[in-house]
Amino acid sequence: MAPQNEELFIDLFIRHTYMQLAVMASLSATLGKSGKHEELASGSLINVDIALPYLNWWRQARRYNDDARKLIDEVLEEVVNRTYMISWSSGTAEDVFRMLYEFLVEPTVRRRLGEYYTPPWLVEFMLNELSEIKGKIILDPFCGSGTFLVTAFHRKVDLKESPDDAYNEVVGFDVNPLAVAVARAELIIAYWRRTQKEPENPPHIYHIDTFAIWFGEGSILIPGLNEVASKARSFLQTLINFGFVNLGGTRDILVLLRDIEKSLTLAIRFAYRKCGLEIDCLEKMIATHLEEQLKDYQHDFIQSFLDHFKKSSASGTIAKLIANHGGNDVWGTVFMSIYAPILMTKFKPDVIITNPPWIPVTEYQAPYSDKIHEHILEKITMCVKDKNKAKQVLTGADVASAALGKSISFADEVAYIMNEDQLFNHRRSTPAGIVATYCILRNTLRGGNVKLYHFDFDVFQHGIKPAVIIIKRGGAS
């Protein structure tokens, strides 16, 4: 990594940490929590995990370094005091979080990272183009701060769905841990505004590299989780492929994920309160309390999960993570982020709606980049027979088009915001991106309706005009 890049990412990491502190304190204030500044800004007083451990590093620094503790305590006091000056009962959390993020992270950096808030009016426009979403499972595989999910939640409630059903039917994945924390917080605030109560269950928003799941083989991991993740994939794939248990449909799977995460979060918190940083005590308490939480659950999958959890020594892994991270005990979401995408590839959402990353395939760098290239090239060669011309077309393709093709295979309705050069742009003399997207659609979509919309102005203020594609496969009204 070049020195200037290292400096950039260190600075960004600090700014993201500050943002998560503010989000956790804001959510604590919204839900009427009271306690120590550390508790309010870490989210430990909230019923479910919101923060991810990667940005809760300051708890470890605070524990072991006196100078760091003094500085961090000053920051915590400032953040919490400012948060409690805001009236969270009015306005929208999304606006506050957006303004804070835009203040903390400069426009040039946001453009480089592809981090943009989708305007609410565009989200509403896309939802209006879909069939009625009442009772449907909505997935945003690149959810960012959760604008699509929160808007879909409110739309469902307006359509007379219960807030609990609507809350449990929106699902989000994102590669950015801060985005996951913000999206979880915003959905909880949306639920609170509709019910005036804190949700009992965690939101279905997970820390996942969707491209890695769709085109690679793994998920986002930190040191110490590789072995557990490998065993989890083997466990789930065996259950799914050989049909050892009846997992039910997508809605049933979401309930199972929700209940396991809730129980695991409670077990971890209970163990940490009882054991502190004593690894042997933590391991025993986590395993015992989780089994106690789930022992009466009448579902074969839960019992299989408990057996797998014990055999994989997952409680020991969590115990070591808690100790190694100085009491950082927010690991429930991390573990569910290993299980959720594997299950969701088998049981499909009804709708996928998203604003994916707009990155040319030639610039996208990841361990699985070659697999994305191969996937797109395979689709292109199905309609561009000349191999050399097919490779030329590939150079103009975008990873968003590859994601679009995958989404079509999973859901009955798909809505994507994309770079206009990947859908239609009559001003371009070399429409390679459009050809690539056309080939993917032609060889993926089997019947249905396609609508394209072009916005002839810079919606995101980053110099690239967007277009929207709405796809309804056969059977979608």
Protein backbone atom coordinates (compact mmCIF):
# COMPACT_ATOMS: atom_id res chain seq x y z
CA MET A 1 0.00 0.00 0.00
CA ALA A 2 1.39 3.41 -0.97
CA PRO A 3 2.12 5.76 1.96
CA GLN A 4 -0.49 8.27 0.83
CA ASN A 5 -3.11 5.52 0.61
CA GLU A 6 -2.18 4.26 4.07
CA GLU A 7 -2.53 7.75 5.47
CA LEU A 8 -5.88 8.17 3.74
CA PHE A 9 -7.30 4.94 5.15
CA ILE A 10 -6.04 5.62 8.68
CA ASP A 11 -7.74 9.01 8.58
CA LEU A 12 -10.90 7.47 7.15
CA PHE A 13 -10.88 4.75 9.81
CA ILE A 14 -10.79 7.39 12.54
CA ARG A 15 -13.61 9.36 10.91
CA HIS A 16 -15.71 6.20 10.50
CA THR A 17 -15.10 5.40 14.18
CA TYR A 18 -16.35 8.85 15.18
CA MET A 19 -19.39 8.38 12.95
CA GLN A 20 -20.23 5.04 14.58
CA LEU A 21 -19.91 6.63 18.04
CA ALA A 22 -22.40 9.29 16.97
CA VAL A 23 -24.80 6.75 15.46
CA MET A 24 -24.76 4.54 18.57
CA ALA A 25 -25.24 7.53 20.87
CA SER A 26 -28.05 8.81 18.64
CA LEU A 27 -29.85 5.48 18.72
CA SER A 28 -29.42 5.26 22.50
CA ALA A 29 -30.92 8.75 22.82
CA THR A 30 -33.83 7.89 20.53
CA LEU A 31 -34.68 4.82 22.58
CA GLY A 32 -34.47 6.77 25.85
CA LYS A 33 -31.43 4.95 27.23
CA SER A 34 -29.43 6.35 30.12
CA GLY A 35 -26.06 5.22 31.38
CA LYS A 36 -22.35 5.81 31.14
CA HIS A 37 -20.97 7.55 28.06
CA GLU A 38 -19.11 4.39 27.04
CA GLU A 39 -22.31 2.34 27.22
CA LEU A 40 -24.32 4.88 25.22
CA ALA A 41 -21.71 5.30 22.48
CA SER A 42 -20.96 1.57 22.12
CA GLY A 43 -24.60 0.50 21.83
CA SER A 44 -24.31 -1.96 24.73
CA LEU A 45 -27.59 -0.74 26.29
CA ILE A 46 -29.62 -1.59 23.16
CA ASN A 47 -31.40 -4.95 23.04
CA VAL A 48 -29.63 -6.07 19.85
CA ASP A 49 -26.19 -5.62 18.33
CA ILE A 50 -25.86 -2.56 16.11
CA ALA A 51 -22.17 -1.67 16.19
CA LEU A 52 -19.65 -3.99 14.62
CA PRO A 53 -16.45 -4.82 16.53
CA TYR A 54 -14.14 -3.34 13.89
CA LEU A 55 -15.14 0.22 14.82
CA ASN A 56 -15.43 -0.48 18.55
CA TRP A 57 -11.64 -0.77 18.87
CA TRP A 58 -11.58 2.27 21.14
CA ARG A 59 -12.97 0.16 24.01
CA GLN A 60 -9.78 -1.89 24.02
CA ALA A 61 -7.58 1.22 23.79
CA ARG A 62 -9.51 2.82 26.62
CA ARG A 63 -9.05 -0.21 28.85
CA TYR A 64 -5.30 -0.57 28.50
CA ASN A 65 -3.88 2.93 27.97
CA ASP A 66 -4.35 5.77 30.45
CA ASP A 67 -3.55 8.53 27.94
CA ALA A 68 -5.93 6.99 25.42
CA ARG A 69 -8.64 6.67 28.07
CA LYS A 70 -8.49 10.37 28.88
CA LEU A 71 -8.70 11.41 25.22
CA ILE A 72 -11.43 8.88 24.38
CA ASP A 73 -13.51 9.89 27.42
CA GLU A 74 -13.39 13.51 26.26
CA VAL A 75 -14.59 12.47 22.80
CA LEU A 76 -17.33 10.27 24.28
CA GLU A 77 -18.59 13.10 26.46
CA GLU A 78 -18.70 15.50 23.52
CA VAL A 79 -20.46 13.02 21.22
CA VAL A 80 -23.07 11.99 23.78
CA ASN A 81 -23.81 15.54 24.90
CA ARG A 82 -24.26 16.74 21.32
CA THR A 83 -26.45 13.76 20.50
CA TYR A 84 -28.85 14.44 23.35
CA MET A 85 -29.35 18.00 22.10
CA ILE A 86 -31.15 16.67 19.00
CA SER A 87 -34.88 15.96 19.00
CA TRP A 88 -35.01 12.50 17.43
CA SER A 89 -38.81 12.44 17.51
CA SER A 90 -38.94 14.89 14.60
CA GLY A 91 -37.30 14.87 11.19
CA THR A 92 -35.44 11.83 9.94
CA ALA A 93 -32.34 10.12 11.22
CA GLU A 94 -31.23 9.61 7.65
CA ASP A 95 -30.85 13.36 7.14
CA VAL A 96 -28.82 13.80 10.33
CA PHE A 97 -26.55 10.85 9.55
CA ARG A 98 -26.11 11.96 5.94
CA MET A 99 -25.13 15.49 6.94
CA LEU A 100 -22.73 14.18 9.58
CA TYR A 101 -21.08 11.79 7.14
CA GLU A 102 -20.76 14.44 4.45
CA PHE A 103 -19.18 16.74 7.05
CA LEU A 104 -16.72 14.07 8.23
CA VAL A 105 -15.71 12.63 4.85
CA GLU A 106 -14.72 14.96 2.03
CA PRO A 107 -16.48 14.67 -1.38
CA THR A 108 -13.28 13.54 -3.16
CA VAL A 109 -12.88 10.66 -0.72
CA ARG A 110 -16.55 9.68 -1.01
CA ARG A 111 -16.24 9.60 -4.79
CA ARG A 112 -13.15 7.41 -4.56
CA LEU A 113 -14.96 4.95 -2.27
CA GLY A 114 -18.24 5.09 -4.19
CA GLU A 115 -20.14 6.11 -1.05
CA TYR A 116 -23.26 8.12 -1.88
CA TYR A 117 -26.69 8.50 -0.36
CA THR A 118 -29.43 7.65 -2.83
CA PRO A 119 -31.92 10.58 -2.84
CA PRO A 120 -35.24 9.63 -1.20
CA TRP A 121 -37.20 10.79 -4.26
CA LEU A 122 -35.33 8.29 -6.45
CA VAL A 123 -35.97 5.48 -3.96
CA GLU A 124 -39.67 6.35 -3.95
CA PHE A 125 -39.70 6.44 -7.76
CA MET A 126 -38.24 2.95 -7.99
CA LEU A 127 -40.59 1.50 -5.39
CA ASN A 128 -43.52 3.00 -7.30
CA GLU A 129 -42.41 1.08 -10.39
CA LEU A 130 -42.58 -2.26 -8.60
CA SER A 131 -45.64 -4.35 -7.89
CA GLU A 132 -47.18 -3.88 -4.46
CA ILE A 133 -44.52 -4.90 -1.92
CA LYS A 134 -46.88 -5.75 0.93
CA GLY A 135 -45.99 -9.17 2.31
CA LYS A 136 -42.87 -9.52 0.14
CA ILE A 137 -39.24 -10.10 1.12
CA ILE A 138 -37.10 -7.16 -0.02
CA LEU A 139 -33.31 -7.51 -0.39
CA ASP A 140 -30.81 -4.73 -0.96
CA PRO A 141 -27.49 -6.54 -1.56
CA PHE A 142 -25.53 -3.25 -1.48
CA CYS A 143 -27.62 -1.48 1.13
CA GLY A 144 -25.25 1.28 2.27
CA SER A 145 -26.92 3.26 5.04
CA GLY A 146 -30.25 1.55 4.41
CA THR A 147 -32.30 4.13 2.52
CA PHE A 148 -34.05 1.52 0.35
CA LEU A 149 -34.75 -0.70 3.36
CA VAL A 150 -36.12 2.08 5.57
CA THR A 151 -38.29 3.44 2.76
CA ALA A 152 -39.59 -0.05 1.94
CA PHE A 153 -40.36 -0.59 5.63
CA HIS A 154 -42.44 2.60 5.80
CA ARG A 155 -44.17 1.74 2.52
CA LYS A 156 -45.13 -1.68 3.89
CA VAL A 157 -46.56 -0.17 7.07
CA ASP A 158 -48.50 2.38 5.00
CA LEU A 159 -49.95 -0.60 3.11
CA LYS A 160 -51.31 -1.88 6.45
CA GLU A 161 -48.63 -4.43 7.20
CA SER A 162 -47.81 -4.68 10.88
CA PRO A 163 -44.52 -2.95 11.78
CA ASP A 164 -43.17 -6.27 13.06
CA ASP A 165 -43.85 -8.05 9.76
CA ALA A 166 -42.47 -5.15 7.72
CA TYR A 167 -39.35 -4.99 9.92
CA ASN A 168 -38.69 -8.71 9.45
CA GLU A 169 -39.19 -8.64 5.66
CA VAL A 170 -36.41 -6.21 4.68
CA VAL A 171 -32.88 -7.59 4.28
CA GLY A 172 -29.62 -5.77 3.61
CA PHE A 173 -25.99 -6.69 2.91
CA ASP A 174 -23.03 -4.30 2.79
CA VAL A 175 -19.25 -4.57 2.74
CA ASN A 176 -18.75 -1.40 4.83
CA PRO A 177 -19.07 -2.05 8.61
CA LEU A 178 -20.05 1.57 9.25
CA ALA A 179 -22.82 1.33 6.65
CA VAL A 180 -24.15 -1.82 8.36
CA ALA A 181 -24.24 -0.05 11.73
CA VAL A 182 -25.97 3.01 10.25
CA ALA A 183 -28.51 0.90 8.35
CA ARG A 184 -29.32 -1.15 11.45
CA ALA A 185 -29.72 2.03 13.51
CA GLU A 186 -31.93 3.72 10.92
CA LEU A 187 -34.24 0.72 10.60
CA ILE A 188 -34.59 0.51 14.39
CA ILE A 189 -35.37 4.24 14.55
CA ALA A 190 -37.95 3.78 11.77
CA TYR A 191 -39.55 0.94 13.75
CA TRP A 192 -39.52 3.06 16.92
CA ARG A 193 -41.23 5.95 15.12
CA ARG A 194 -44.02 3.61 14.03
CA THR A 195 -44.48 1.81 17.34
CA GLN A 196 -42.86 4.00 20.03
CA LYS A 197 -41.01 0.93 21.27
CA GLU A 198 -37.66 -0.76 20.82
CA PRO A 199 -37.75 -3.86 18.58
CA GLU A 200 -37.20 -7.16 20.34
CA ASN A 201 -35.36 -8.65 17.39
CA PRO A 202 -32.25 -7.69 15.40
CA PRO A 203 -32.73 -6.28 11.90
CA HIS A 204 -31.79 -8.47 8.94
CA ILE A 205 -28.81 -6.35 7.91
CA TYR A 206 -25.48 -8.12 7.65
CA HIS A 207 -21.80 -7.32 7.07
CA ILE A 208 -21.29 -9.13 3.78
CA ASP A 209 -19.27 -8.62 0.62
CA THR A 210 -22.04 -9.54 -1.79
CA PHE A 211 -19.67 -9.87 -4.75
CA ALA A 212 -17.56 -12.33 -2.73
CA ILE A 213 -20.64 -14.43 -2.00
CA TRP A 214 -21.89 -14.33 -5.59
CA PHE A 215 -18.56 -14.73 -7.37
CA GLY A 216 -16.08 -15.85 -4.71
CA GLU A 217 -16.29 -18.42 -1.99
CA GLY A 218 -15.99 -16.59 1.31
CA SER A 219 -17.27 -13.72 3.37
CA ILE A 220 -15.69 -10.90 5.35
CA LEU A 221 -13.53 -12.26 8.12
CA ILE A 222 -11.18 -11.04 10.78
CA PRO A 223 -8.27 -13.07 12.22
CA GLY A 224 -9.62 -15.93 14.30
CA LEU A 225 -12.81 -16.55 12.33
CA ASN A 226 -11.50 -18.39 9.27
CA GLU A 227 -11.86 -21.87 10.72
CA VAL A 228 -15.31 -21.18 12.17
CA ALA A 229 -16.48 -19.77 8.82
CA SER A 230 -15.15 -22.79 6.93
CA LYS A 231 -16.98 -25.17 9.27
CA ALA A 232 -20.14 -23.05 9.04
CA ARG A 233 -20.13 -23.23 5.23
CA SER A 234 -19.58 -26.99 5.33
CA PHE A 235 -22.37 -27.42 7.88
CA LEU A 236 -24.91 -25.33 5.96
CA GLN A 237 -24.06 -26.69 2.53
CA THR A 238 -24.44 -30.24 3.81
CA LEU A 239 -27.85 -29.45 5.31
CA ILE A 240 -28.99 -27.73 2.14
CA ASN A 241 -27.57 -30.07 -0.48
CA PHE A 242 -28.64 -33.29 1.21
CA GLY A 243 -31.89 -32.01 2.68
CA PHE A 244 -31.17 -33.29 6.19
CA VAL A 245 -33.64 -30.81 7.70
CA ASN A 246 -36.64 -28.97 6.32
CA LEU A 247 -35.54 -25.35 6.38
CA GLY A 248 -38.76 -24.03 4.89
CA GLY A 249 -38.91 -20.92 2.72
CA THR A 250 -37.13 -17.58 2.83
CA ARG A 251 -39.40 -16.18 5.54
CA ASP A 252 -38.78 -19.24 7.73
CA ILE A 253 -35.02 -18.90 7.28
CA LEU A 254 -35.16 -15.23 8.28
CA VAL A 255 -36.98 -16.15 11.49
CA LEU A 256 -34.33 -18.75 12.30
CA LEU A 257 -31.49 -16.28 11.66
CA ARG A 258 -33.24 -13.65 13.76
CA ASP A 259 -33.80 -15.96 16.72
CA ILE A 260 -30.27 -17.39 16.63
CA GLU A 261 -28.67 -13.94 16.49
CA LYS A 262 -30.86 -12.66 19.31
CA SER A 263 -30.02 -15.67 21.49
CA LEU A 264 -26.31 -15.53 20.64
CA THR A 265 -26.12 -11.80 21.43
CA LEU A 266 -27.79 -12.34 24.80
CA ALA A 267 -25.51 -15.30 25.57
CA ILE A 268 -22.37 -13.29 24.76
CA ARG A 269 -23.46 -10.29 26.81
CA PHE A 270 -24.48 -12.46 29.76
CA ALA A 271 -21.16 -14.33 29.66
CA TYR A 272 -19.13 -11.12 29.50
CA ARG A 273 -20.96 -9.62 32.48
CA LYS A 274 -20.31 -12.78 34.49
CA CYS A 275 -16.78 -13.62 33.36
CA GLY A 276 -15.08 -10.45 32.20
CA LEU A 277 -12.04 -11.47 30.15
CA GLU A 278 -11.60 -14.99 31.57
CA ILE A 279 -11.57 -17.13 28.41
CA ASP A 280 -12.49 -20.48 29.97
CA CYS A 281 -15.40 -18.94 31.84
CA LEU A 282 -16.57 -17.06 28.75
CA GLU A 283 -16.46 -20.19 26.59
CA LYS A 284 -18.50 -22.23 29.05
CA MET A 285 -21.02 -19.47 29.77
CA ILE A 286 -21.63 -18.64 26.09
CA ALA A 287 -22.27 -22.29 25.19
CA THR A 288 -24.45 -22.92 28.25
CA HIS A 289 -26.53 -19.76 27.93
CA LEU A 290 -27.07 -20.18 24.18
CA GLU A 291 -28.30 -23.73 24.67
CA GLU A 292 -30.58 -22.54 27.45
CA GLN A 293 -32.00 -19.82 25.20
CA LEU A 294 -32.76 -22.23 22.34
CA LYS A 295 -33.48 -25.53 24.12
CA ASP A 296 -37.27 -25.30 23.73
CA TYR A 297 -37.14 -24.24 20.08
CA GLN A 298 -39.01 -26.88 18.11
CA HIS A 299 -37.09 -26.89 14.87
CA ASP A 300 -34.61 -29.45 13.54
CA PHE A 301 -32.35 -26.73 12.17
CA ILE A 302 -31.91 -25.12 15.60
CA GLN A 303 -30.87 -28.40 17.15
CA SER A 304 -28.48 -29.04 14.25
CA PHE A 305 -27.07 -25.55 14.71
CA LEU A 306 -26.46 -26.09 18.43
CA ASP A 307 -24.68 -29.36 17.67
CA HIS A 308 -22.57 -27.62 15.00
CA PHE A 309 -21.83 -24.70 17.34
CA LYS A 310 -20.54 -27.11 19.98
CA LYS A 311 -18.48 -29.28 17.62
CA SER A 312 -16.87 -26.27 15.90
CA SER A 313 -15.83 -24.80 19.29
CA ALA A 314 -17.47 -21.53 18.25
CA SER A 315 -17.99 -20.44 21.86
CA GLY A 316 -14.25 -20.78 22.45
CA THR A 317 -13.54 -18.67 19.38
CA ILE A 318 -15.90 -15.94 20.58
CA ALA A 319 -14.37 -16.05 24.06
CA LYS A 320 -10.90 -15.46 22.60
CA LEU A 321 -12.20 -12.63 20.42
CA ILE A 322 -13.76 -10.91 23.43
CA ALA A 323 -10.56 -11.24 25.43
CA ASN A 324 -8.27 -10.25 22.57
CA HIS A 325 -10.37 -7.18 21.85
CA GLY A 326 -10.44 -5.97 25.45
CA GLY A 327 -14.08 -6.68 26.23
CA ASN A 328 -15.55 -5.90 22.80
CA ASP A 329 -18.60 -8.17 22.94
CA VAL A 330 -20.57 -7.31 19.77
CA TRP A 331 -20.04 -10.54 17.81
CA GLY A 332 -23.61 -11.73 17.16
CA THR A 333 -23.96 -9.81 13.90
CA VAL A 334 -20.52 -10.97 12.74
CA PHE A 335 -21.47 -14.62 13.18
CA MET A 336 -24.86 -14.24 11.50
CA SER A 337 -23.10 -12.50 8.61
CA ILE A 338 -21.35 -15.83 7.98
CA TYR A 339 -24.57 -17.86 7.92
CA ALA A 340 -27.06 -15.47 6.30
CA PRO A 341 -25.68 -15.24 2.73
CA ILE A 342 -25.27 -19.01 2.38
CA LEU A 343 -28.90 -19.54 3.30
CA MET A 344 -30.13 -16.63 1.19
CA THR A 345 -28.59 -18.09 -1.98
CA LYS A 346 -30.92 -21.06 -1.57
CA PHE A 347 -34.09 -19.28 -0.50
CA LYS A 348 -34.89 -16.31 -2.66
CA PRO A 349 -36.21 -12.81 -1.91
CA ASP A 350 -39.24 -11.56 -3.84
CA VAL A 351 -37.65 -8.23 -4.76
CA ILE A 352 -34.08 -6.99 -5.10
CA ILE A 353 -33.73 -3.21 -5.19
CA THR A 354 -30.38 -1.46 -4.95
CA ASN A 355 -27.81 1.09 -6.02
CA PRO A 356 -24.75 -1.15 -6.58
CA PRO A 357 -21.12 -0.06 -6.88
CA TRP A 358 -20.34 1.53 -10.26
CA ILE A 359 -16.86 0.21 -10.94
CA PRO A 360 -15.44 -0.80 -14.36
CA VAL A 361 -14.40 -4.46 -14.36
CA THR A 362 -10.91 -3.37 -15.42
CA GLU A 363 -10.56 -1.34 -12.19
CA TYR A 364 -12.26 -3.65 -9.70
CA GLN A 365 -9.67 -5.29 -7.47
CA ALA A 366 -10.58 -8.26 -5.30
CA PRO A 367 -9.39 -11.87 -4.88
CA TYR A 368 -12.33 -13.01 -6.99
CA SER A 369 -12.05 -10.36 -9.76
CA ASP A 370 -11.12 -13.03 -12.32
CA LYS A 371 -14.36 -14.86 -11.62
CA ILE A 372 -16.38 -11.70 -12.35
CA HIS A 373 -14.43 -11.25 -15.60
CA GLU A 374 -15.08 -14.87 -16.58
CA HIS A 375 -18.78 -14.60 -15.75
CA ILE A 376 -19.31 -11.46 -17.81
CA LEU A 377 -17.17 -12.71 -20.70
CA GLU A 378 -19.15 -15.95 -20.82
CA LYS A 379 -22.38 -13.97 -21.20
CA ILE A 380 -20.85 -11.66 -23.82
CA THR A 381 -19.55 -14.52 -25.98
CA MET A 382 -23.06 -15.94 -26.14
CA CYS A 383 -24.08 -12.99 -28.30
CA VAL A 384 -20.71 -11.70 -29.60
CA LYS A 385 -19.15 -14.71 -31.28
CA ASP A 386 -15.83 -13.11 -32.19
CA LYS A 387 -13.60 -13.71 -29.13
CA ASN A 388 -11.47 -10.62 -29.70
CA LYS A 389 -14.52 -8.38 -29.98
CA ALA A 390 -16.01 -10.02 -26.91
CA LYS A 391 -12.88 -9.14 -24.93
CA GLN A 392 -13.11 -5.56 -26.19
CA VAL A 393 -16.70 -5.38 -24.98
CA LEU A 394 -15.58 -6.71 -21.58
CA THR A 395 -13.26 -3.71 -21.11
CA GLY A 396 -16.30 -1.41 -21.14
CA ALA A 397 -18.36 -3.48 -18.71
CA ASP A 398 -19.14 -2.60 -15.11
CA VAL A 399 -19.36 -4.92 -12.10
CA ALA A 400 -22.89 -3.58 -11.56
CA SER A 401 -23.98 -5.44 -14.70
CA ALA A 402 -22.64 -8.70 -13.29
CA ALA A 403 -24.58 -8.05 -10.07
CA LEU A 404 -27.71 -7.29 -12.10
CA GLY A 405 -27.48 -10.68 -13.82
CA LYS A 406 -27.14 -12.49 -10.50
CA SER A 407 -30.10 -10.61 -9.05
CA ILE A 408 -32.33 -11.63 -11.93
CA SER A 409 -31.65 -15.28 -11.14
CA PHE A 410 -32.72 -14.80 -7.51
CA ALA A 411 -35.78 -12.53 -7.52
CA ASP A 412 -39.02 -12.06 -9.46
CA GLU A 413 -38.59 -8.27 -9.52
CA VAL A 414 -35.34 -6.33 -9.74
CA ALA A 415 -34.70 -2.58 -9.63
CA TYR A 416 -31.17 -1.21 -10.16
CA ILE A 417 -29.61 2.23 -10.41
CA MET A 418 -26.67 2.09 -12.81
CA ASN A 419 -24.21 4.22 -14.75
CA GLU A 420 -26.02 5.38 -17.90
CA ASP A 421 -23.14 3.96 -19.98
CA GLN A 422 -24.21 0.47 -18.90
CA LEU A 423 -27.86 0.82 -19.94
CA PHE A 424 -28.18 3.42 -22.66
CA ASN A 425 -26.31 6.54 -23.64
CA HIS A 426 -26.83 7.71 -27.21
CA ARG A 427 -23.90 10.11 -26.91
CA ARG A 428 -21.36 7.32 -26.59
CA SER A 429 -19.66 6.26 -29.83
CA THR A 430 -18.49 2.95 -28.31
CA PRO A 431 -21.34 1.41 -26.31
CA ALA A 432 -19.33 -1.53 -24.93
CA GLY A 433 -20.98 -1.31 -21.51
CA ILE A 434 -24.45 -1.34 -23.02
CA VAL A 435 -23.58 -4.38 -25.14
CA ALA A 436 -22.23 -6.19 -22.06
CA THR A 437 -25.40 -5.50 -20.07
CA TYR A 438 -27.58 -6.51 -23.03
CA CYS A 439 -25.73 -9.83 -23.33
CA ILE A 440 -26.12 -10.51 -19.62
CA LEU A 441 -29.84 -9.74 -19.76
CA ARG A 442 -30.37 -11.72 -22.94
CA ASN A 443 -28.75 -14.83 -21.48
CA THR A 444 -30.17 -14.55 -17.97
CA LEU A 445 -33.70 -13.22 -18.30
CA ARG A 446 -36.28 -15.76 -19.47
CA GLY A 447 -39.45 -13.82 -20.12
CA GLY A 448 -40.82 -10.76 -18.36
CA ASN A 449 -40.87 -7.00 -18.77
CA VAL A 450 -37.98 -4.53 -18.76
CA LYS A 451 -38.24 -0.76 -18.27
CA LEU A 452 -35.36 1.71 -18.62
CA TYR A 453 -35.33 5.26 -17.26
CA HIS A 454 -32.69 7.89 -17.96
CA PHE A 455 -32.04 10.92 -15.73
CA ASP A 456 -30.44 13.67 -17.75
CA PHE A 457 -28.79 15.41 -14.80
CA ASP A 458 -26.11 14.61 -12.25
CA VAL A 459 -28.26 13.05 -9.51
CA PHE A 460 -25.35 12.05 -7.27
CA GLN A 461 -23.14 15.06 -8.08
CA HIS A 462 -20.18 12.90 -9.02
CA GLY A 463 -20.10 13.60 -12.76
CA ILE A 464 -21.90 10.46 -13.97
CA LYS A 465 -25.56 10.46 -14.88
CA PRO A 466 -27.65 7.51 -13.70
CA ALA A 467 -30.19 5.29 -15.35
CA VAL A 468 -32.67 2.92 -13.74
CA ILE A 469 -33.68 -0.54 -14.90
CA ILE A 470 -36.84 -2.25 -13.62
CA ILE A 471 -37.24 -5.94 -14.42
CA LYS A 472 -40.31 -8.05 -13.75
CA ARG A 473 -39.88 -11.70 -14.59
CA GLY A 474 -42.76 -13.81 -15.82
CA GLY A 475 -45.42 -14.04 -13.13
CA ALA A 476 -44.66 -10.68 -11.50
CA SER A 477 -47.59 -8.33 -11.89
